[in-house]
């Protein structure tokens, strides 16, 4: 798996702090193994069942470990206000979006993209002039209109989108649409840590 040791250490430290904060005394796997399980899910897109077998835990336990870590990481992602503070130090920033494919079916008709002919969730990001991710979230209708006005300067932001999609999980999501923003923010937090 092409994730650095510092990324594994970063996630392990934050999980350890979360466990101490909650008074969690015992886990089926160590914090380091939990971090590795989570990174395997995010980076490679392994299913909960595959991870459960590989790490010797139940599928539900794998799901819980991943959900916990994604929440921890998403909380570390910059808020829009923090991203705007960073953006104010840049010559300019770029706002753009991408469709992240999901495995939802007919019941999720609002998530069907006629343009791409598949189900997906549109994720908006702000990047700096060299294509580094600064912020990710879904936008209101008014904010989406602003995004459309920036359609002519997309080349640099495509680099950031490519960075997101190096995490295989984001190439085809197999989760509830309510978890997608947190997943993207978790990846953002890891990317910001690795690039510093």
Protein backbone atom coordinates (compact mmCIF):
# COMPACT_ATOMS: atom_id res chain seq x y z
CA UNK A 1 0.00 0.00 0.00
CA UNK A 2 1.50 3.33 -1.05
CA UNK A 3 0.84 5.28 2.15
CA UNK A 4 3.72 6.75 4.12
CA UNK A 5 4.70 5.70 7.62
CA UNK A 6 4.08 9.27 8.77
CA UNK A 7 0.46 8.99 7.58
CA UNK A 8 0.05 5.76 9.54
CA UNK A 9 1.64 7.36 12.63
CA UNK A 10 -0.54 10.48 12.25
CA UNK A 11 -3.76 8.46 12.17
CA UNK A 12 -2.58 6.15 14.98
CA UNK A 13 -1.83 9.13 17.23
CA UNK A 14 -5.25 10.67 16.66
CA UNK A 15 -7.01 7.35 17.22
CA UNK A 16 -5.02 6.81 20.42
CA UNK A 17 -6.10 10.27 21.64
CA UNK A 18 -9.73 9.47 20.77
CA UNK A 19 -9.56 6.18 22.68
CA UNK A 20 -8.04 7.91 25.72
CA UNK A 21 -10.66 10.66 25.56
CA UNK A 22 -13.44 8.07 25.53
CA UNK A 23 -11.80 5.80 28.08
CA UNK A 24 -11.62 2.85 25.70
CA UNK A 25 -9.57 0.22 27.49
CA UNK A 26 -9.50 -2.70 25.07
CA UNK A 27 -9.83 -3.24 21.34
CA UNK A 28 -9.63 -6.35 19.21
CA UNK A 29 -6.67 -4.78 17.36
CA UNK A 30 -4.09 -2.18 18.38
CA UNK A 31 -4.42 1.46 17.33
CA UNK A 32 -1.70 0.93 14.75
CA UNK A 33 -3.56 -2.04 13.24
CA UNK A 34 -6.82 -0.06 13.28
CA UNK A 35 -5.08 2.78 11.43
CA UNK A 36 -3.69 0.29 8.90
CA UNK A 37 -7.15 -1.24 8.42
CA UNK A 38 -8.65 2.22 7.83
CA UNK A 39 -5.92 3.28 5.41
CA UNK A 40 -6.34 0.01 3.47
CA UNK A 41 -10.03 0.82 3.15
CA UNK A 42 -9.50 4.45 2.12
CA UNK A 43 -6.51 3.95 -0.16
CA UNK A 44 -7.32 0.60 -1.76
CA UNK A 45 -11.11 0.50 -1.45
CA UNK A 46 -11.14 -2.91 0.25
CA UNK A 47 -14.61 -3.90 1.44
CA UNK A 48 -15.50 -4.38 5.09
CA UNK A 49 -15.70 -8.15 4.53
CA UNK A 50 -12.22 -8.28 2.97
CA UNK A 51 -10.76 -6.20 5.79
CA UNK A 52 -12.53 -8.29 8.43
CA UNK A 53 -10.90 -11.45 7.08
CA UNK A 54 -7.49 -9.82 6.67
CA UNK A 55 -7.42 -8.33 10.16
CA UNK A 56 -9.17 -11.15 12.01
CA UNK A 57 -12.19 -9.12 13.13
CA UNK A 58 -15.89 -9.23 12.34
CA UNK A 59 -17.37 -7.24 9.47
CA UNK A 60 -19.30 -5.05 11.91
CA UNK A 61 -16.13 -4.37 13.87
CA UNK A 62 -14.29 -3.38 10.68
CA UNK A 63 -17.17 -1.02 9.85
CA UNK A 64 -17.08 0.54 13.36
CA UNK A 65 -13.29 0.99 13.28
CA UNK A 66 -13.48 2.70 9.90
CA UNK A 67 -16.44 4.91 10.84
CA UNK A 68 -14.63 6.01 14.01
CA UNK A 69 -11.43 6.89 12.15
CA UNK A 70 -13.24 8.69 9.34
CA UNK A 71 -15.04 10.84 11.92
CA UNK A 72 -11.73 11.58 13.67
CA UNK A 73 -10.07 12.58 10.39
CA UNK A 74 -13.04 14.57 9.09
CA UNK A 75 -12.96 16.66 12.28
CA UNK A 76 -9.35 17.56 11.45
CA UNK A 77 -10.22 18.86 7.97
CA UNK A 78 -10.24 22.65 7.67
CA UNK A 79 -13.55 24.47 7.96
CA UNK A 80 -14.59 26.83 5.19
CA UNK A 81 -13.52 29.78 7.39
CA UNK A 82 -10.07 28.25 7.92
CA UNK A 83 -9.75 27.51 4.20
CA UNK A 84 -10.70 31.11 3.37
CA UNK A 85 -8.02 32.36 5.78
CA UNK A 86 -5.46 30.21 3.94
CA UNK A 87 -6.92 31.29 0.59
CA UNK A 88 -6.43 34.95 1.50
CA UNK A 89 -2.67 34.35 1.45
CA UNK A 90 -2.80 32.99 -2.12
CA UNK A 91 -2.86 34.92 -5.40
CA UNK A 92 -6.10 33.09 -6.20
CA UNK A 93 -7.91 29.84 -5.49
CA UNK A 94 -10.00 27.60 -7.70
CA UNK A 95 -13.43 26.21 -6.89
CA UNK A 96 -14.49 23.11 -8.82
CA UNK A 97 -16.30 19.84 -8.39
CA UNK A 98 -16.22 16.23 -9.45
CA UNK A 99 -18.67 13.37 -9.47
CA UNK A 100 -17.66 10.50 -7.18
CA UNK A 101 -19.38 7.32 -8.45
CA UNK A 102 -21.47 5.41 -5.89
CA UNK A 103 -23.11 2.00 -5.97
CA UNK A 104 -26.58 3.28 -5.12
CA UNK A 105 -29.57 2.16 -7.18
CA UNK A 106 -32.98 3.43 -8.31
CA UNK A 107 -34.13 4.40 -4.81
CA UNK A 108 -31.43 7.07 -4.82
CA UNK A 109 -32.64 8.76 -8.01
CA UNK A 110 -31.56 12.23 -6.78
CA UNK A 111 -27.97 10.96 -6.94
CA UNK A 112 -28.19 9.94 -10.60
CA UNK A 113 -26.08 12.05 -12.96
CA UNK A 114 -27.57 12.29 -16.44
CA UNK A 115 -24.32 13.82 -17.71
CA UNK A 116 -22.21 10.88 -16.52
CA UNK A 117 -24.98 8.24 -16.87
CA UNK A 118 -24.34 6.85 -13.40
CA UNK A 119 -25.13 7.38 -9.75
CA UNK A 120 -22.74 9.67 -7.95
CA UNK A 121 -22.25 12.42 -5.42
CA UNK A 122 -20.97 15.80 -6.53
CA UNK A 123 -18.16 17.02 -4.29
CA UNK A 124 -16.90 20.60 -4.45
CA UNK A 125 -13.33 21.54 -3.54
CA UNK A 126 -11.19 24.64 -3.25
CA UNK A 127 -7.57 24.35 -4.38
CA UNK A 128 -4.60 26.69 -4.33
CA UNK A 129 -2.77 27.85 -7.50
CA UNK A 130 -0.58 24.72 -7.60
CA UNK A 131 -3.47 22.28 -7.19
CA UNK A 132 -3.28 21.45 -3.46
CA UNK A 133 -6.61 20.73 -1.78
CA UNK A 134 -7.66 23.39 0.73
CA UNK A 135 -11.29 22.50 1.42
CA UNK A 136 -14.00 19.96 0.45
CA UNK A 137 -17.71 20.01 1.08
CA UNK A 138 -21.05 20.05 -0.71
CA UNK A 139 -22.31 23.51 -1.73
CA UNK A 140 -25.63 25.37 -1.76
CA UNK A 141 -27.34 26.27 -5.05
CA UNK A 142 -25.85 29.78 -4.92
CA UNK A 143 -22.36 28.47 -4.29
CA UNK A 144 -22.79 25.99 -7.15
CA UNK A 145 -23.60 28.94 -9.46
CA UNK A 146 -20.28 30.53 -8.49
CA UNK A 147 -18.57 27.22 -9.23
CA UNK A 148 -19.97 27.20 -12.75
CA UNK A 149 -18.55 30.67 -13.39
CA UNK A 150 -15.05 29.32 -12.77
CA UNK A 151 -15.35 26.51 -15.32
CA UNK A 152 -12.70 28.01 -17.62
CA UNK A 153 -9.81 27.62 -15.17
CA UNK A 154 -10.13 23.94 -14.30
CA UNK A 155 -6.72 22.52 -15.25
CA UNK A 156 -5.06 23.01 -11.85
CA UNK A 157 -8.02 21.77 -9.87
CA UNK A 158 -8.05 18.58 -11.93
CA UNK A 159 -4.69 17.80 -10.30
CA UNK A 160 -6.35 18.01 -6.89
CA UNK A 161 -9.22 15.81 -8.05
CA UNK A 162 -6.70 13.26 -9.32
CA UNK A 163 -5.11 13.37 -5.86
CA UNK A 164 -8.48 12.57 -4.29
CA UNK A 165 -9.04 9.68 -6.63
CA UNK A 166 -5.67 8.09 -5.83
CA UNK A 167 -7.61 6.88 -2.79
CA UNK A 168 -9.36 3.96 -4.50
CA UNK A 169 -12.31 4.09 -2.13
CA UNK A 170 -13.34 7.41 -3.73
CA UNK A 171 -13.41 5.86 -7.22
CA UNK A 172 -16.58 3.89 -6.41
CA UNK A 173 -18.11 4.46 -3.01
CA UNK A 174 -20.05 1.66 -1.35
CA UNK A 175 -21.51 3.57 1.56
CA UNK A 176 -24.41 5.74 2.55
CA UNK A 177 -24.39 9.13 0.85
CA UNK A 178 -24.47 10.72 4.31
CA UNK A 179 -20.89 9.47 4.91
CA UNK A 180 -19.31 10.81 1.69
CA UNK A 181 -18.47 14.32 2.89
CA UNK A 182 -16.73 12.90 5.98
CA UNK A 183 -14.80 10.42 3.82
CA UNK A 184 -13.58 13.19 1.51
CA UNK A 185 -12.66 15.36 4.49
CA UNK A 186 -10.78 12.43 6.04
CA UNK A 187 -8.75 12.05 2.85
CA UNK A 188 -8.21 15.82 2.80
CA UNK A 189 -6.84 15.76 6.36
CA UNK A 190 -4.44 12.96 5.42
CA UNK A 191 -3.32 14.76 2.23
CA UNK A 192 -2.69 18.02 4.10
CA UNK A 193 -0.62 16.15 6.70
CA UNK A 194 1.42 14.30 4.09
CA UNK A 195 2.16 17.43 2.02
CA UNK A 196 3.44 19.50 4.97
